[in-house]
């Protein structure tokens, strides 16, 4: 976050804070993400961010991050 191209200077005040982990319960009205931004947010980008989350009625489990040790 914080730049449009890799040549741009990084803005350290811009980024995302994910407020919930996979499998944690979410109550109506709770924030899943805190967005820190310096410019108006593109609605297309917001749609993409919203589609990154899926809220389901049944509990889920986290997928393994490490599949094997060599």
PDB file of N, CA and C in Angstrom:
ATOM      1  N   UNK A   1       0.849  -1.191   0.000  1.00  0.00           N
ATOM      2  CA  UNK A   1       0.000   0.000   0.000  1.00  0.00           C
ATOM      3  C   UNK A   1       0.887   1.244   0.000  1.00  0.00           C
ATOM      4  N   UNK A   2       0.316   2.336  -0.394  1.00  0.00           N
ATOM      5  CA  UNK A   2       1.039   3.590  -0.303  1.00  0.00           C
ATOM      6  C   UNK A   2       1.720   4.046  -1.565  1.00  0.00           C
ATOM      7  N   UNK A   3       1.572   3.301  -2.683  1.00  0.00           N
ATOM      8  CA  UNK A   3       2.141   3.753  -3.943  1.00  0.00           C
ATOM      9  C   UNK A   3       1.386   3.096  -5.101  1.00  0.00           C
ATOM     10  N   UNK A   4       1.381   3.789  -6.244  1.00  0.00           N
ATOM     11  CA  UNK A   4       0.692   3.270  -7.427  1.00  0.00           C
ATOM     12  C   UNK A   4       1.632   2.444  -8.299  1.00  0.00           C
ATOM     13  N   UNK A   5       2.906   2.838  -8.372  1.00  0.00           N
ATOM     14  CA  UNK A   5       3.898   2.091  -9.133  1.00  0.00           C
ATOM     15  C   UNK A   5       5.102   1.843  -8.242  1.00  0.00           C
ATOM     16  N   UNK A   6       5.956   0.899  -8.621  1.00  0.00           N
ATOM     17  CA  UNK A   6       7.101   0.589  -7.766  1.00  0.00           C
ATOM     18  C   UNK A   6       8.112   1.727  -7.719  1.00  0.00           C
ATOM     19  N   UNK A   7       8.023   2.654  -8.676  1.00  0.00           N
ATOM     20  CA  UNK A   7       8.919   3.810  -8.669  1.00  0.00           C
ATOM     21  C   UNK A   7       8.446   4.902  -7.700  1.00  0.00           C
ATOM     22  N   UNK A   8       7.176   4.888  -7.329  1.00  0.00           N
ATOM     23  CA  UNK A   8       6.638   5.888  -6.408  1.00  0.00           C
ATOM     24  C   UNK A   8       7.255   5.741  -5.019  1.00  0.00           C
ATOM     25  N   UNK A   9       7.340   6.844  -4.319  1.00  0.00           N
ATOM     26  CA  UNK A   9       7.792   6.811  -2.929  1.00  0.00           C
ATOM     27  C   UNK A   9       6.690   6.167  -2.078  1.00  0.00           C
ATOM     28  N   UNK A  10       7.081   5.281  -1.169  1.00  0.00           N
ATOM     29  CA  UNK A  10       6.114   4.606  -0.297  1.00  0.00           C
ATOM     30  C   UNK A  10       5.617   5.573   0.769  1.00  0.00           C
ATOM     31  N   UNK A  11       4.309   5.608   0.959  1.00  0.00           N
ATOM     32  CA  UNK A  11       3.694   6.406   2.020  1.00  0.00           C
ATOM     33  C   UNK A  11       3.434   5.472   3.198  1.00  0.00           C
ATOM     34  N   UNK A  12       4.247   5.517   4.260  1.00  0.00           N
ATOM     35  CA  UNK A  12       4.085   4.581   5.378  1.00  0.00           C
ATOM     36  C   UNK A  12       2.806   4.786   6.179  1.00  0.00           C
ATOM     37  N   UNK A  13       2.084   5.865   5.937  1.00  0.00           N
ATOM     38  CA  UNK A  13       0.840   6.089   6.667  1.00  0.00           C
ATOM     39  C   UNK A  13      -0.343   5.393   5.999  1.00  0.00           C
ATOM     40  N   UNK A  14      -0.112   4.736   4.856  1.00  0.00           N
ATOM     41  CA  UNK A  14      -1.170   4.083   4.100  1.00  0.00           C
ATOM     42  C   UNK A  14      -1.064   2.580   4.270  1.00  0.00           C
ATOM     43  N   UNK A  15      -2.212   1.906   4.459  1.00  0.00           N
ATOM     44  CA  UNK A  15      -2.188   0.455   4.577  1.00  0.00           C
ATOM     45  C   UNK A  15      -3.503  -0.089   5.095  1.00  0.00           C
ATOM     46  N   UNK A  16      -3.506  -1.387   5.343  1.00  0.00           N
ATOM     47  CA  UNK A  16      -4.686  -2.091   5.843  1.00  0.00           C
ATOM     48  C   UNK A  16      -4.351  -2.762   7.161  1.00  0.00           C
ATOM     49  N   UNK A  17      -5.305  -2.766   8.062  1.00  0.00           N
ATOM     50  CA  UNK A  17      -5.212  -3.559   9.285  1.00  0.00           C
ATOM     51  C   UNK A  17      -6.377  -4.541   9.237  1.00  0.00           C
ATOM     52  N   UNK A  18      -6.066  -5.835   9.206  1.00  0.00           N
ATOM     53  CA  UNK A  18      -7.099  -6.864   9.193  1.00  0.00           C
ATOM     54  C   UNK A  18      -7.519  -7.093  10.646  1.00  0.00           C
ATOM     55  N   UNK A  19      -8.778  -6.852  10.962  1.00  0.00           N
ATOM     56  CA  UNK A  19      -9.253  -6.885  12.342  1.00  0.00           C
ATOM     57  C   UNK A  19      -9.723  -8.259  12.811  1.00  0.00           C
ATOM     58  N   UNK A  20      -9.953  -9.178  11.892  1.00  0.00           N
ATOM     59  CA  UNK A  20     -10.422 -10.523  12.252  1.00  0.00           C
ATOM     60  C   UNK A  20      -9.557 -11.567  11.564  1.00  0.00           C
ATOM     61  N   UNK A  21      -9.374 -12.696  12.235  1.00  0.00           N
ATOM     62  CA  UNK A  21      -8.652 -13.818  11.658  1.00  0.00           C
ATOM     63  C   UNK A  21      -9.662 -14.840  11.136  1.00  0.00           C
ATOM     64  N   UNK A  22      -9.196 -15.695  10.235  1.00  0.00           N
ATOM     65  CA  UNK A  22     -10.055 -16.757   9.712  1.00  0.00           C
ATOM     66  C   UNK A  22     -10.587 -17.580  10.871  1.00  0.00           C
ATOM     67  N   UNK A  23     -11.890 -17.817  10.880  1.00  0.00           N
ATOM     68  CA  UNK A  23     -12.512 -18.632  11.916  1.00  0.00           C
ATOM     69  C   UNK A  23     -13.028 -17.851  13.108  1.00  0.00           C
ATOM     70  N   UNK A  24     -12.628 -16.584  13.254  1.00  0.00           N
ATOM     71  CA  UNK A  24     -13.141 -15.784  14.364  1.00  0.00           C
ATOM     72  C   UNK A  24     -14.574 -15.363  14.075  1.00  0.00           C
ATOM     73  N   UNK A  25     -15.421 -15.361  15.091  1.00  0.00           N
ATOM     74  CA  UNK A  25     -16.795 -14.911  14.879  1.00  0.00           C
ATOM     75  C   UNK A  25     -16.836 -13.417  14.555  1.00  0.00           C
ATOM     76  N   UNK A  26     -17.805 -13.036  13.735  1.00  0.00           N
ATOM     77  CA  UNK A  26     -18.003 -11.638  13.346  1.00  0.00           C
ATOM     78  C   UNK A  26     -19.443 -11.267  13.678  1.00  0.00           C
ATOM     79  N   UNK A  27     -19.599 -10.213  14.419  1.00  0.00           N
ATOM     80  CA  UNK A  27     -20.935  -9.725  14.757  1.00  0.00           C
ATOM     81  C   UNK A  27     -21.332  -8.603  13.810  1.00  0.00           C
ATOM     82  N   UNK A  28     -22.624  -8.472  13.600  1.00  0.00           N
ATOM     83  CA  UNK A  28     -23.136  -7.411  12.736  1.00  0.00           C
ATOM     84  C   UNK A  28     -22.588  -6.062  13.206  1.00  0.00           C
ATOM     85  N   UNK A  29     -22.076  -5.286  12.267  1.00  0.00           N
ATOM     86  CA  UNK A  29     -21.560  -3.952  12.574  1.00  0.00           C
ATOM     87  C   UNK A  29     -20.074  -3.917  12.896  1.00  0.00           C
ATOM     88  N   UNK A  30     -19.451  -5.083  13.100  1.00  0.00           N
ATOM     89  CA  UNK A  30     -18.014  -5.110  13.381  1.00  0.00           C
ATOM     90  C   UNK A  30     -17.213  -4.855  12.109  1.00  0.00           C
ATOM     91  N   UNK A  31     -16.103  -4.193  12.270  1.00  0.00           N
ATOM     92  CA  UNK A  31     -15.222  -3.889  11.150  1.00  0.00           C
ATOM     93  C   UNK A  31     -14.266  -5.045  10.910  1.00  0.00           C
ATOM     94  N   UNK A  32     -14.181  -5.487   9.641  1.00  0.00           N
ATOM     95  CA  UNK A  32     -13.236  -6.538   9.283  1.00  0.00           C
ATOM     96  C   UNK A  32     -11.873  -5.960   8.958  1.00  0.00           C
ATOM     97  N   UNK A  33     -11.864  -4.752   8.395  1.00  0.00           N
ATOM     98  CA  UNK A  33     -10.631  -4.116   7.936  1.00  0.00           C
ATOM     99  C   UNK A  33     -10.651  -2.639   8.295  1.00  0.00           C
ATOM    100  N   UNK A  34      -9.502  -2.129   8.717  1.00  0.00           N
ATOM    101  CA  UNK A  34      -9.318  -0.692   8.892  1.00  0.00           C
ATOM    102  C   UNK A  34      -8.415  -0.230   7.755  1.00  0.00           C
ATOM    103  N   UNK A  35      -8.885   0.760   6.994  1.00  0.00           N
ATOM    104  CA  UNK A  35      -8.134   1.249   5.841  1.00  0.00           C
ATOM    105  C   UNK A  35      -7.561   2.620   6.177  1.00  0.00           C
ATOM    106  N   UNK A  36      -6.253   2.752   6.047  1.00  0.00           N
ATOM    107  CA  UNK A  36      -5.587   4.041   6.206  1.00  0.00           C
ATOM    108  C   UNK A  36      -5.214   4.514   4.800  1.00  0.00           C
ATOM    109  N   UNK A  37      -5.737   5.676   4.396  1.00  0.00           N
ATOM    110  CA  UNK A  37      -5.500   6.132   3.024  1.00  0.00           C
ATOM    111  C   UNK A  37      -5.260   7.633   2.991  1.00  0.00           C
ATOM    112  N   UNK A  38      -4.582   8.069   1.935  1.00  0.00           N
ATOM    113  CA  UNK A  38      -4.246   9.482   1.775  1.00  0.00           C
ATOM    114  C   UNK A  38      -5.027  10.126   0.630  1.00  0.00           C
ATOM    115  N   UNK A  39      -5.626   9.298  -0.226  1.00  0.00           N
ATOM    116  CA  UNK A  39      -6.405   9.787  -1.370  1.00  0.00           C
ATOM    117  C   UNK A  39      -7.784   9.151  -1.324  1.00  0.00           C
ATOM    118  N   UNK A  40      -8.739   9.705  -2.079  1.00  0.00           N
ATOM    119  CA  UNK A  40     -10.051   9.038  -2.156  1.00  0.00           C
ATOM    120  C   UNK A  40      -9.889   7.606  -2.679  1.00  0.00           C
ATOM    121  N   UNK A  41     -10.690   6.701  -2.141  1.00  0.00           N
ATOM    122  CA  UNK A  41     -10.591   5.298  -2.522  1.00  0.00           C
ATOM    123  C   UNK A  41     -11.389   5.028  -3.791  1.00  0.00           C
ATOM    124  N   UNK A  42     -10.795   4.294  -4.705  1.00  0.00           N
ATOM    125  CA  UNK A  42     -11.438   3.899  -5.952  1.00  0.00           C
ATOM    126  C   UNK A  42     -12.534   2.876  -5.636  1.00  0.00           C
ATOM    127  N   UNK A  43     -13.769   3.113  -6.076  1.00  0.00           N
ATOM    128  CA  UNK A  43     -14.857   2.159  -5.792  1.00  0.00           C
ATOM    129  C   UNK A  43     -14.560   0.749  -6.322  1.00  0.00           C
ATOM    130  N   UNK A  44     -13.851   0.636  -7.443  1.00  0.00           N
ATOM    131  CA  UNK A  44     -13.494  -0.682  -7.983  1.00  0.00           C
ATOM    132  C   UNK A  44     -12.578  -1.407  -7.005  1.00  0.00           C
ATOM    133  N   UNK A  45     -11.632  -0.687  -6.426  1.00  0.00           N
ATOM    134  CA  UNK A  45     -10.725  -1.285  -5.452  1.00  0.00           C
ATOM    135  C   UNK A  45     -11.514  -1.748  -4.224  1.00  0.00           C
ATOM    136  N   UNK A  46     -12.481  -0.941  -3.797  1.00  0.00           N
ATOM    137  CA  UNK A  46     -13.297  -1.313  -2.633  1.00  0.00           C
ATOM    138  C   UNK A  46     -14.091  -2.586  -2.920  1.00  0.00           C
ATOM    139  N   UNK A  47     -14.616  -2.724  -4.141  1.00  0.00           N
ATOM    140  CA  UNK A  47     -15.334  -3.941  -4.519  1.00  0.00           C
ATOM    141  C   UNK A  47     -14.409  -5.155  -4.447  1.00  0.00           C
ATOM    142  N   UNK A  48     -13.181  -4.999  -4.928  1.00  0.00           N
ATOM    143  CA  UNK A  48     -12.210  -6.095  -4.874  1.00  0.00           C
ATOM    144  C   UNK A  48     -11.891  -6.472  -3.431  1.00  0.00           C
ATOM    145  N   UNK A  49     -11.720  -5.477  -2.578  1.00  0.00           N
ATOM    146  CA  UNK A  49     -11.447  -5.749  -1.164  1.00  0.00           C
ATOM    147  C   UNK A  49     -12.631  -6.469  -0.529  1.00  0.00           C
ATOM    148  N   UNK A  50     -13.839  -6.010  -0.785  1.00  0.00           N
ATOM    149  CA  UNK A  50     -15.029  -6.664  -0.221  1.00  0.00           C
ATOM    150  C   UNK A  50     -15.152  -8.107  -0.677  1.00  0.00           C
ATOM    151  N   UNK A  51     -14.781  -8.393  -1.912  1.00  0.00           N
ATOM    152  CA  UNK A  51     -14.898  -9.758  -2.424  1.00  0.00           C
ATOM    153  C   UNK A  51     -13.825 -10.685  -1.853  1.00  0.00           C
ATOM    154  N   UNK A  52     -12.833 -10.140  -1.176  1.00  0.00           N
ATOM    155  CA  UNK A  52     -11.782 -10.957  -0.570  1.00  0.00           C
ATOM    156  C   UNK A  52     -12.264 -11.653   0.702  1.00  0.00           C
ATOM    157  N   UNK A  53     -13.414 -11.246   1.215  1.00  0.00           N
ATOM    158  CA  UNK A  53     -13.946 -11.796   2.458  1.00  0.00           C
ATOM    159  C   UNK A  53     -15.217 -12.583   2.176  1.00  0.00           C
ATOM    160  N   UNK A  54     -15.392 -13.655   2.933  1.00  0.00           N
ATOM    161  CA  UNK A  54     -16.619 -14.443   2.856  1.00  0.00           C
ATOM    162  C   UNK A  54     -17.082 -14.697   4.289  1.00  0.00           C
ATOM    163  N   UNK A  55     -18.282 -14.287   4.584  1.00  0.00           N
ATOM    164  CA  UNK A  55     -18.848 -14.508   5.917  1.00  0.00           C
ATOM    165  C   UNK A  55     -19.882 -15.610   5.782  1.00  0.00           C
ATOM    166  N   UNK A  56     -19.691 -16.676   6.573  1.00  0.00           N
ATOM    167  CA  UNK A  56     -20.592 -17.828   6.520  1.00  0.00           C
ATOM    168  C   UNK A  56     -21.165 -18.090   7.906  1.00  0.00           C
ATOM    169  N   UNK A  57     -22.270 -18.805   7.952  1.00  0.00           N
ATOM    170  CA  UNK A  57     -22.951 -19.073   9.217  1.00  0.00           C
ATOM    171  C   UNK A  57     -22.262 -20.152  10.034  1.00  0.00           C
ATOM    172  N   UNK A  58     -21.549 -21.071   9.379  1.00  0.00           N
ATOM    173  CA  UNK A  58     -20.896 -22.161  10.094  1.00  0.00           C
ATOM    174  C   UNK A  58     -19.425 -21.840  10.313  1.00  0.00           C
ATOM    175  N   UNK A  59     -18.860 -22.253  11.431  1.00  0.00           N
ATOM    176  CA  UNK A  59     -17.439 -21.984  11.696  1.00  0.00           C
ATOM    177  C   UNK A  59     -16.535 -22.609  10.636  1.00  0.00           C
ATOM    178  N   UNK A  60     -15.449 -21.945  10.329  1.00  0.00           N
ATOM    179  CA  UNK A  60     -14.463 -22.463   9.384  1.00  0.00           C
ATOM    180  C   UNK A  60     -13.139 -22.661  10.102  1.00  0.00           C
ATOM    181  N   UNK A  61     -12.256 -23.395   9.486  1.00  0.00           N
ATOM    182  CA  UNK A  61     -10.930 -23.600  10.061  1.00  0.00           C
ATOM    183  C   UNK A  61      -9.894 -22.938   9.170  1.00  0.00           C
ATOM    184  N   UNK A  62      -8.800 -22.549   9.754  1.00  0.00           N
ATOM    185  CA  UNK A  62      -7.711 -21.928   9.003  1.00  0.00           C
ATOM    186  C   UNK A  62      -7.005 -22.983   8.169  1.00  0.00           C
ATOM    187  N   UNK A  63      -6.613 -22.591   6.970  1.00  0.00           N
ATOM    188  CA  UNK A  63      -5.827 -23.490   6.133  1.00  0.00           C
ATOM    189  C   UNK A  63      -4.374 -23.440   6.591  1.00  0.00           C
ATOM    190  N   UNK A  64      -3.686 -24.553   6.439  1.00  0.00           N
ATOM    191  CA  UNK A  64      -2.278 -24.619   6.834  1.00  0.00           C
ATOM    192  C   UNK A  64      -1.444 -23.684   5.971  1.00  0.00           C
ATOM    193  N   UNK A  65      -0.534 -22.961   6.580  1.00  0.00           N
ATOM    194  CA  UNK A  65       0.372 -22.094   5.837  1.00  0.00           C
ATOM    195  C   UNK A  65       1.632 -22.849   5.428  1.00  0.00           C
ATOM    196  N   UNK A  66       1.984 -23.869   6.199  1.00  0.00           N
ATOM    197  CA  UNK A  66       3.159 -24.688   5.878  1.00  0.00           C
ATOM    198  C   UNK A  66       2.635 -26.095   5.558  1.00  0.00           C
ATOM    199  N   UNK A  67       2.897 -26.529   4.345  1.00  0.00           N
ATOM    200  CA  UNK A  67       2.386 -27.823   3.900  1.00  0.00           C
ATOM    201  C   UNK A  67       3.374 -28.953   4.147  1.00  0.00           C
ATOM    202  N   UNK A  68       4.668 -28.650   4.141  1.00  0.00           N
ATOM    203  CA  UNK A  68       5.669 -29.696   4.345  1.00  0.00           C
ATOM    204  C   UNK A  68       6.990 -29.075   4.744  1.00  0.00           C
ATOM    205  N   UNK A  69       7.779 -29.828   5.463  1.00  0.00           N
ATOM    206  CA  UNK A  69       9.160 -29.440   5.800  1.00  0.00           C
ATOM    207  C   UNK A  69      10.076 -30.389   5.068  1.00  0.00           C
ATOM    208  N   UNK A  70      11.063 -29.848   4.434  1.00  0.00           N
ATOM    209  CA  UNK A  70      12.001 -30.702   3.700  1.00  0.00           C
ATOM    210  C   UNK A  70      13.209 -31.021   4.522  1.00  0.00           C
TER     211      UNK A  70
END
